[in-house]
Amino acid sequence: VQLQASGGGLVQAGGSVRLSCAASGRTFSNYAMGWFRQAPGREREFVAAIDETGCATYSAYFMEGRFTISRDNAKNTVYLQIDSLKPEDTAAYYCAQAPSGRVTGNSREYAYWGQGTLVTVSS
């Protein structure tokens, strides 16, 4: 399984970014997907997850409605839209594939990880 994350960059506070993660290697529509992030000097934390159909999502407490996870099974891609960006959103964002179609926020349950895409929010 290969996961290729993209879409990060330098963004001003208040702006938006859409991250993408393209998957290959096994049937994408069979597995839930998740996004995690890791800020400098901090542990990796869960952001959001989506089930295999795209109908069920699970979000971290801090999302405050600013983060939206979605997927396009025809394109084998999962997305993370982040609006109203804050400097504290600065982090490397990682996509991951779960071992089943069930959503989970537990990073230990994810077997496959992308390389991460860096989002830097300037104030």
N, C-alpha and C. Protein backbone atom coordinates (compact mmCIF):
# COMPACT_ATOMS: atom_id res chain seq x y z
N VAL A 1 0.85 -1.19 0.00
CA VAL A 1 0.00 0.00 0.00
C VAL A 1 0.88 1.24 0.00
N GLN A 2 0.53 2.17 -0.86
CA GLN A 2 1.24 3.46 -0.89
C GLN A 2 0.24 4.59 -0.73
N LEU A 3 0.61 5.54 0.12
CA LEU A 3 -0.22 6.71 0.36
C LEU A 3 0.62 7.94 0.07
N GLN A 4 0.13 8.79 -0.80
CA GLN A 4 0.87 9.98 -1.21
C GLN A 4 0.06 11.21 -0.85
N ALA A 5 0.53 11.92 0.17
CA ALA A 5 -0.15 13.14 0.61
C ALA A 5 0.40 14.35 -0.11
N SER A 6 -0.46 15.32 -0.36
CA SER A 6 -0.05 16.54 -1.03
C SER A 6 -0.99 17.67 -0.63
N GLY A 7 -0.61 18.89 -1.03
CA GLY A 7 -1.48 20.04 -0.82
C GLY A 7 -1.03 21.00 0.27
N GLY A 8 -0.01 20.65 1.02
CA GLY A 8 0.47 21.53 2.06
C GLY A 8 1.23 22.71 1.50
N GLY A 9 1.57 23.65 2.38
CA GLY A 9 2.33 24.82 1.96
C GLY A 9 2.24 25.90 3.00
N LEU A 10 2.67 27.08 2.62
CA LEU A 10 2.62 28.25 3.50
C LEU A 10 1.32 29.01 3.25
N VAL A 11 0.53 29.19 4.30
CA VAL A 11 -0.77 29.82 4.19
C VAL A 11 -0.90 30.88 5.28
N GLN A 12 -1.55 31.97 4.96
CA GLN A 12 -1.79 33.00 5.96
C GLN A 12 -2.93 32.59 6.89
N ALA A 13 -2.85 33.06 8.11
CA ALA A 13 -3.93 32.80 9.07
C ALA A 13 -5.25 33.30 8.49
N GLY A 14 -6.28 32.50 8.69
CA GLY A 14 -7.60 32.82 8.14
C GLY A 14 -7.85 32.21 6.78
N GLY A 15 -6.80 31.71 6.16
CA GLY A 15 -6.94 31.09 4.85
C GLY A 15 -7.38 29.64 4.94
N SER A 16 -7.37 28.99 3.79
CA SER A 16 -7.82 27.60 3.70
C SER A 16 -6.80 26.77 2.93
N VAL A 17 -6.86 25.49 3.19
CA VAL A 17 -6.00 24.56 2.46
C VAL A 17 -6.77 23.26 2.28
N ARG A 18 -6.53 22.60 1.17
CA ARG A 18 -7.15 21.30 0.94
C ARG A 18 -6.05 20.27 0.72
N LEU A 19 -5.95 19.36 1.61
CA LEU A 19 -4.96 18.30 1.52
C LEU A 19 -5.56 17.09 0.81
N SER A 20 -4.73 16.42 0.04
CA SER A 20 -5.16 15.22 -0.67
C SER A 20 -4.24 14.07 -0.31
N CYS A 21 -4.79 12.88 -0.39
CA CYS A 21 -3.99 11.68 -0.15
C CYS A 21 -4.45 10.62 -1.14
N ALA A 22 -3.57 10.30 -2.07
CA ALA A 22 -3.87 9.29 -3.08
C ALA A 22 -3.36 7.93 -2.62
N ALA A 23 -4.21 6.94 -2.71
CA ALA A 23 -3.86 5.60 -2.23
C ALA A 23 -3.76 4.62 -3.38
N SER A 24 -2.89 3.66 -3.21
CA SER A 24 -2.77 2.58 -4.19
C SER A 24 -2.31 1.33 -3.47
N GLY A 25 -2.53 0.19 -4.12
CA GLY A 25 -2.02 -1.06 -3.58
C GLY A 25 -3.08 -2.05 -3.14
N ARG A 26 -4.24 -1.55 -2.74
CA ARG A 26 -5.34 -2.46 -2.44
C ARG A 26 -6.65 -1.71 -2.63
N THR A 27 -7.76 -2.39 -2.55
CA THR A 27 -9.05 -1.78 -2.87
C THR A 27 -9.39 -0.67 -1.88
N PHE A 28 -9.27 0.54 -2.36
CA PHE A 28 -9.42 1.73 -1.51
C PHE A 28 -10.78 1.76 -0.82
N SER A 29 -11.82 1.40 -1.52
CA SER A 29 -13.18 1.53 -0.99
C SER A 29 -13.51 0.51 0.10
N ASN A 30 -12.58 -0.35 0.45
CA ASN A 30 -12.78 -1.31 1.52
C ASN A 30 -12.31 -0.81 2.89
N TYR A 31 -11.63 0.34 2.91
CA TYR A 31 -10.93 0.74 4.12
C TYR A 31 -11.25 2.17 4.54
N ALA A 32 -11.37 2.33 5.84
CA ALA A 32 -11.47 3.68 6.39
C ALA A 32 -10.13 4.38 6.25
N MET A 33 -10.19 5.70 6.25
CA MET A 33 -8.98 6.51 6.13
C MET A 33 -8.97 7.54 7.24
N GLY A 34 -7.77 7.94 7.64
CA GLY A 34 -7.66 8.93 8.69
C GLY A 34 -6.60 9.97 8.37
N TRP A 35 -6.74 11.09 9.04
CA TRP A 35 -5.72 12.15 8.99
C TRP A 35 -5.23 12.40 10.41
N PHE A 36 -3.93 12.56 10.53
CA PHE A 36 -3.28 12.89 11.79
C PHE A 36 -2.36 14.07 11.53
N ARG A 37 -1.92 14.71 12.57
CA ARG A 37 -0.97 15.80 12.40
C ARG A 37 0.05 15.77 13.54
N GLN A 38 1.21 16.33 13.24
CA GLN A 38 2.27 16.42 14.24
C GLN A 38 2.94 17.77 14.13
N ALA A 39 2.77 18.55 15.16
CA ALA A 39 3.40 19.86 15.23
C ALA A 39 4.82 19.71 15.77
N PRO A 40 5.69 20.67 15.48
CA PRO A 40 7.06 20.60 15.99
C PRO A 40 7.10 20.45 17.51
N GLY A 41 7.83 19.45 17.96
CA GLY A 41 7.98 19.24 19.39
C GLY A 41 6.80 18.59 20.09
N ARG A 42 5.81 18.17 19.31
CA ARG A 42 4.62 17.58 19.91
C ARG A 42 4.39 16.18 19.34
N GLU A 43 3.57 15.42 20.04
CA GLU A 43 3.24 14.08 19.58
C GLU A 43 2.22 14.15 18.45
N ARG A 44 2.21 13.10 17.65
CA ARG A 44 1.23 13.01 16.60
C ARG A 44 -0.17 12.91 17.20
N GLU A 45 -1.14 13.63 16.61
CA GLU A 45 -2.49 13.60 17.13
C GLU A 45 -3.50 13.35 16.03
N PHE A 46 -4.59 12.74 16.41
CA PHE A 46 -5.67 12.42 15.49
C PHE A 46 -6.41 13.70 15.09
N VAL A 47 -6.75 13.77 13.80
CA VAL A 47 -7.54 14.89 13.29
C VAL A 47 -8.95 14.43 12.91
N ALA A 48 -9.03 13.47 11.99
CA ALA A 48 -10.34 13.03 11.51
C ALA A 48 -10.20 11.69 10.80
N ALA A 49 -11.32 10.97 10.74
CA ALA A 49 -11.36 9.70 10.02
C ALA A 49 -12.69 9.58 9.30
N ILE A 50 -12.69 8.77 8.26
CA ILE A 50 -13.90 8.57 7.46
C ILE A 50 -14.01 7.10 7.12
N ASP A 51 -15.24 6.58 7.15
CA ASP A 51 -15.40 5.15 6.90
C ASP A 51 -15.26 4.86 5.41
N GLU A 52 -15.37 3.58 5.06
CA GLU A 52 -15.08 3.18 3.70
C GLU A 52 -16.07 3.74 2.69
N THR A 53 -17.27 4.05 3.12
CA THR A 53 -18.27 4.56 2.19
C THR A 53 -18.27 6.08 2.09
N GLY A 54 -17.67 6.73 3.07
CA GLY A 54 -17.71 8.18 3.13
C GLY A 54 -18.91 8.71 3.88
N CYS A 55 -19.73 7.83 4.41
CA CYS A 55 -20.96 8.26 5.08
C CYS A 55 -20.75 8.57 6.55
N ALA A 56 -19.76 8.00 7.16
CA ALA A 56 -19.53 8.21 8.58
C ALA A 56 -18.16 8.82 8.80
N THR A 57 -18.11 9.84 9.63
CA THR A 57 -16.85 10.48 9.96
C THR A 57 -16.70 10.58 11.47
N TYR A 58 -15.48 10.78 11.88
CA TYR A 58 -15.14 10.89 13.30
C TYR A 58 -14.06 11.94 13.39
N SER A 59 -14.29 12.94 14.27
CA SER A 59 -13.40 14.09 14.29
C SER A 59 -12.84 14.34 15.68
N ALA A 60 -11.68 14.95 15.71
CA ALA A 60 -11.07 15.33 16.99
C ALA A 60 -11.82 16.50 17.60
N TYR A 61 -11.65 16.68 18.91
CA TYR A 61 -12.41 17.71 19.62
C TYR A 61 -12.10 19.12 19.16
N PHE A 62 -10.87 19.30 18.62
CA PHE A 62 -10.45 20.66 18.33
C PHE A 62 -10.88 21.14 16.94
N MET A 63 -11.58 20.29 16.19
CA MET A 63 -11.86 20.65 14.81
C MET A 63 -12.77 21.88 14.70
N GLU A 64 -13.68 22.07 15.66
CA GLU A 64 -14.48 23.30 15.72
C GLU A 64 -15.19 23.61 14.41
N GLY A 65 -15.45 22.60 13.61
CA GLY A 65 -16.12 22.83 12.35
C GLY A 65 -15.22 23.37 11.26
N ARG A 66 -13.94 23.52 11.52
CA ARG A 66 -13.02 24.08 10.52
C ARG A 66 -12.42 23.00 9.63
N PHE A 67 -12.49 21.76 10.05
CA PHE A 67 -11.90 20.66 9.31
C PHE A 67 -13.00 19.79 8.70
N THR A 68 -12.84 19.42 7.45
CA THR A 68 -13.80 18.56 6.78
C THR A 68 -13.05 17.44 6.07
N ILE A 69 -13.37 16.22 6.45
CA ILE A 69 -12.77 15.08 5.77
C ILE A 69 -13.77 14.52 4.76
N SER A 70 -13.27 14.12 3.61
CA SER A 70 -14.12 13.54 2.58
C SER A 70 -13.27 12.57 1.76
N ARG A 71 -13.94 11.82 0.92
CA ARG A 71 -13.21 10.87 0.07
C ARG A 71 -13.94 10.71 -1.25
N ASP A 72 -13.15 10.32 -2.25
CA ASP A 72 -13.67 10.00 -3.57
C ASP A 72 -13.14 8.61 -3.91
N ASN A 73 -13.99 7.63 -3.76
CA ASN A 73 -13.53 6.26 -3.99
C ASN A 73 -13.21 5.98 -5.46
N ALA A 74 -13.81 6.74 -6.34
CA ALA A 74 -13.49 6.57 -7.77
C ALA A 74 -12.08 7.03 -8.08
N LYS A 75 -11.58 7.95 -7.26
CA LYS A 75 -10.23 8.47 -7.47
C LYS A 75 -9.22 7.94 -6.44
N ASN A 76 -9.68 7.04 -5.58
CA ASN A 76 -8.80 6.47 -4.55
C ASN A 76 -8.12 7.56 -3.73
N THR A 77 -8.88 8.57 -3.38
CA THR A 77 -8.30 9.74 -2.73
C THR A 77 -9.16 10.18 -1.54
N VAL A 78 -8.48 10.55 -0.48
CA VAL A 78 -9.14 11.14 0.68
C VAL A 78 -8.65 12.57 0.82
N TYR A 79 -9.52 13.44 1.30
CA TYR A 79 -9.21 14.87 1.39
C TYR A 79 -9.40 15.37 2.82
N LEU A 80 -8.68 16.44 3.11
CA LEU A 80 -8.90 17.17 4.36
C LEU A 80 -8.92 18.65 4.03
N GLN A 81 -10.08 19.24 4.17
CA GLN A 81 -10.24 20.68 3.97
C GLN A 81 -10.11 21.36 5.32
N ILE A 82 -9.23 22.35 5.41
CA ILE A 82 -9.06 23.11 6.64
C ILE A 82 -9.33 24.57 6.34
N ASP A 83 -10.30 25.13 7.01
CA ASP A 83 -10.68 26.54 6.83
C ASP A 83 -10.30 27.35 8.06
N SER A 84 -10.31 28.66 7.90
CA SER A 84 -9.99 29.57 9.01
C SER A 84 -8.73 29.12 9.73
N LEU A 85 -7.69 28.91 8.98
CA LEU A 85 -6.45 28.39 9.55
C LEU A 85 -5.89 29.30 10.64
N LYS A 86 -5.32 28.67 11.64
CA LYS A 86 -4.69 29.36 12.76
C LYS A 86 -3.22 28.96 12.81
N PRO A 87 -2.36 29.81 13.36
CA PRO A 87 -0.95 29.43 13.47
C PRO A 87 -0.75 28.10 14.19
N GLU A 88 -1.62 27.79 15.13
CA GLU A 88 -1.47 26.52 15.86
C GLU A 88 -1.84 25.30 15.03
N ASP A 89 -2.35 25.52 13.82
CA ASP A 89 -2.58 24.40 12.90
C ASP A 89 -1.30 24.00 12.16
N THR A 90 -0.25 24.76 12.34
CA THR A 90 1.03 24.43 11.70
C THR A 90 1.49 23.06 12.14
N ALA A 91 1.69 22.18 11.17
CA ALA A 91 2.05 20.80 11.47
C ALA A 91 2.30 20.05 10.18
N ALA A 92 2.91 18.88 10.32
CA ALA A 92 2.93 17.93 9.22
C ALA A 92 1.67 17.10 9.32
N TYR A 93 0.95 17.00 8.23
CA TYR A 93 -0.31 16.26 8.20
C TYR A 93 -0.10 14.94 7.48
N TYR A 94 -0.53 13.87 8.14
CA TYR A 94 -0.33 12.53 7.62
C TYR A 94 -1.66 11.86 7.36
N CYS A 95 -1.75 11.18 6.23
CA CYS A 95 -2.91 10.33 6.00
C CYS A 95 -2.52 8.88 6.34
N ALA A 96 -3.52 8.11 6.67
CA ALA A 96 -3.29 6.72 7.05
C ALA A 96 -4.49 5.88 6.67
N GLN A 97 -4.23 4.61 6.44
CA GLN A 97 -5.30 3.70 6.05
C GLN A 97 -5.54 2.69 7.17
N ALA A 98 -6.81 2.57 7.54
CA ALA A 98 -7.20 1.67 8.63
C ALA A 98 -7.22 0.22 8.15
N PRO A 99 -7.25 -0.72 9.06
CA PRO A 99 -7.27 -2.14 8.68
C PRO A 99 -8.64 -2.64 8.26
N SER A 100 -9.67 -1.81 8.39
CA SER A 100 -11.02 -2.20 8.00
C SER A 100 -11.78 -0.95 7.57
N GLY A 101 -13.06 -1.11 7.33
CA GLY A 101 -13.87 0.04 6.95
C GLY A 101 -14.35 0.87 8.11
N ARG A 102 -14.06 0.45 9.32
CA ARG A 102 -14.55 1.14 10.51
C ARG A 102 -13.66 2.33 10.87
N VAL A 103 -14.29 3.43 11.22
CA VAL A 103 -13.51 4.61 11.61
C VAL A 103 -12.89 4.40 12.99
N THR A 104 -11.70 4.94 13.15
CA THR A 104 -11.01 4.89 14.43
C THR A 104 -10.08 6.07 14.53
N GLY A 105 -9.91 6.57 15.75
CA GLY A 105 -8.98 7.66 16.00
C GLY A 105 -7.70 7.18 16.64
N ASN A 106 -7.56 5.89 16.79
CA ASN A 106 -6.40 5.30 17.44
C ASN A 106 -5.30 5.06 16.41
N SER A 107 -4.22 5.83 16.51
CA SER A 107 -3.15 5.72 15.52
C SER A 107 -2.54 4.32 15.49
N ARG A 108 -2.57 3.61 16.60
CA ARG A 108 -1.96 2.26 16.64
C ARG A 108 -2.73 1.27 15.77
N GLU A 109 -3.96 1.61 15.41
CA GLU A 109 -4.75 0.70 14.59
C GLU A 109 -4.47 0.87 13.10
N TYR A 110 -3.76 1.91 12.73
CA TYR A 110 -3.50 2.18 11.32
C TYR A 110 -2.21 1.50 10.89
N ALA A 111 -2.31 0.72 9.82
CA ALA A 111 -1.17 -0.06 9.37
C ALA A 111 -0.32 0.66 8.34
N TYR A 112 -0.93 1.54 7.58
CA TYR A 112 -0.23 2.20 6.48
C TYR A 112 -0.31 3.71 6.62
N TRP A 113 0.83 4.36 6.35
CA TRP A 113 0.94 5.80 6.53
C TRP A 113 1.57 6.44 5.30
N GLY A 114 1.11 7.66 5.01
CA GLY A 114 1.75 8.45 3.98
C GLY A 114 2.95 9.18 4.56
N GLN A 115 3.63 9.92 3.72
CA GLN A 115 4.87 10.57 4.13
C GLN A 115 4.64 11.91 4.82
N GLY A 116 3.44 12.43 4.78
CA GLY A 116 3.17 13.70 5.42
C GLY A 116 3.31 14.87 4.47
N THR A 117 2.48 15.87 4.68
CA THR A 117 2.58 17.11 3.94
C THR A 117 2.54 18.25 4.95
N LEU A 118 3.45 19.20 4.80
CA LEU A 118 3.63 20.25 5.81
C LEU A 118 2.73 21.44 5.52
N VAL A 119 1.99 21.84 6.53
CA VAL A 119 1.17 23.06 6.47
C VAL A 119 1.77 24.05 7.47
N THR A 120 2.12 25.20 6.98
CA THR A 120 2.67 26.26 7.81
C THR A 120 1.75 27.46 7.72
N VAL A 121 1.25 27.89 8.87
CA VAL A 121 0.30 29.00 8.91
C VAL A 121 1.00 30.21 9.51
N SER A 122 1.06 31.27 8.75
CA SER A 122 1.71 32.49 9.21
C SER A 122 0.67 33.44 9.80
N SER A 123 1.09 34.14 10.84
CA SER A 123 0.16 35.07 11.51
C SER A 123 0.22 36.46 10.90
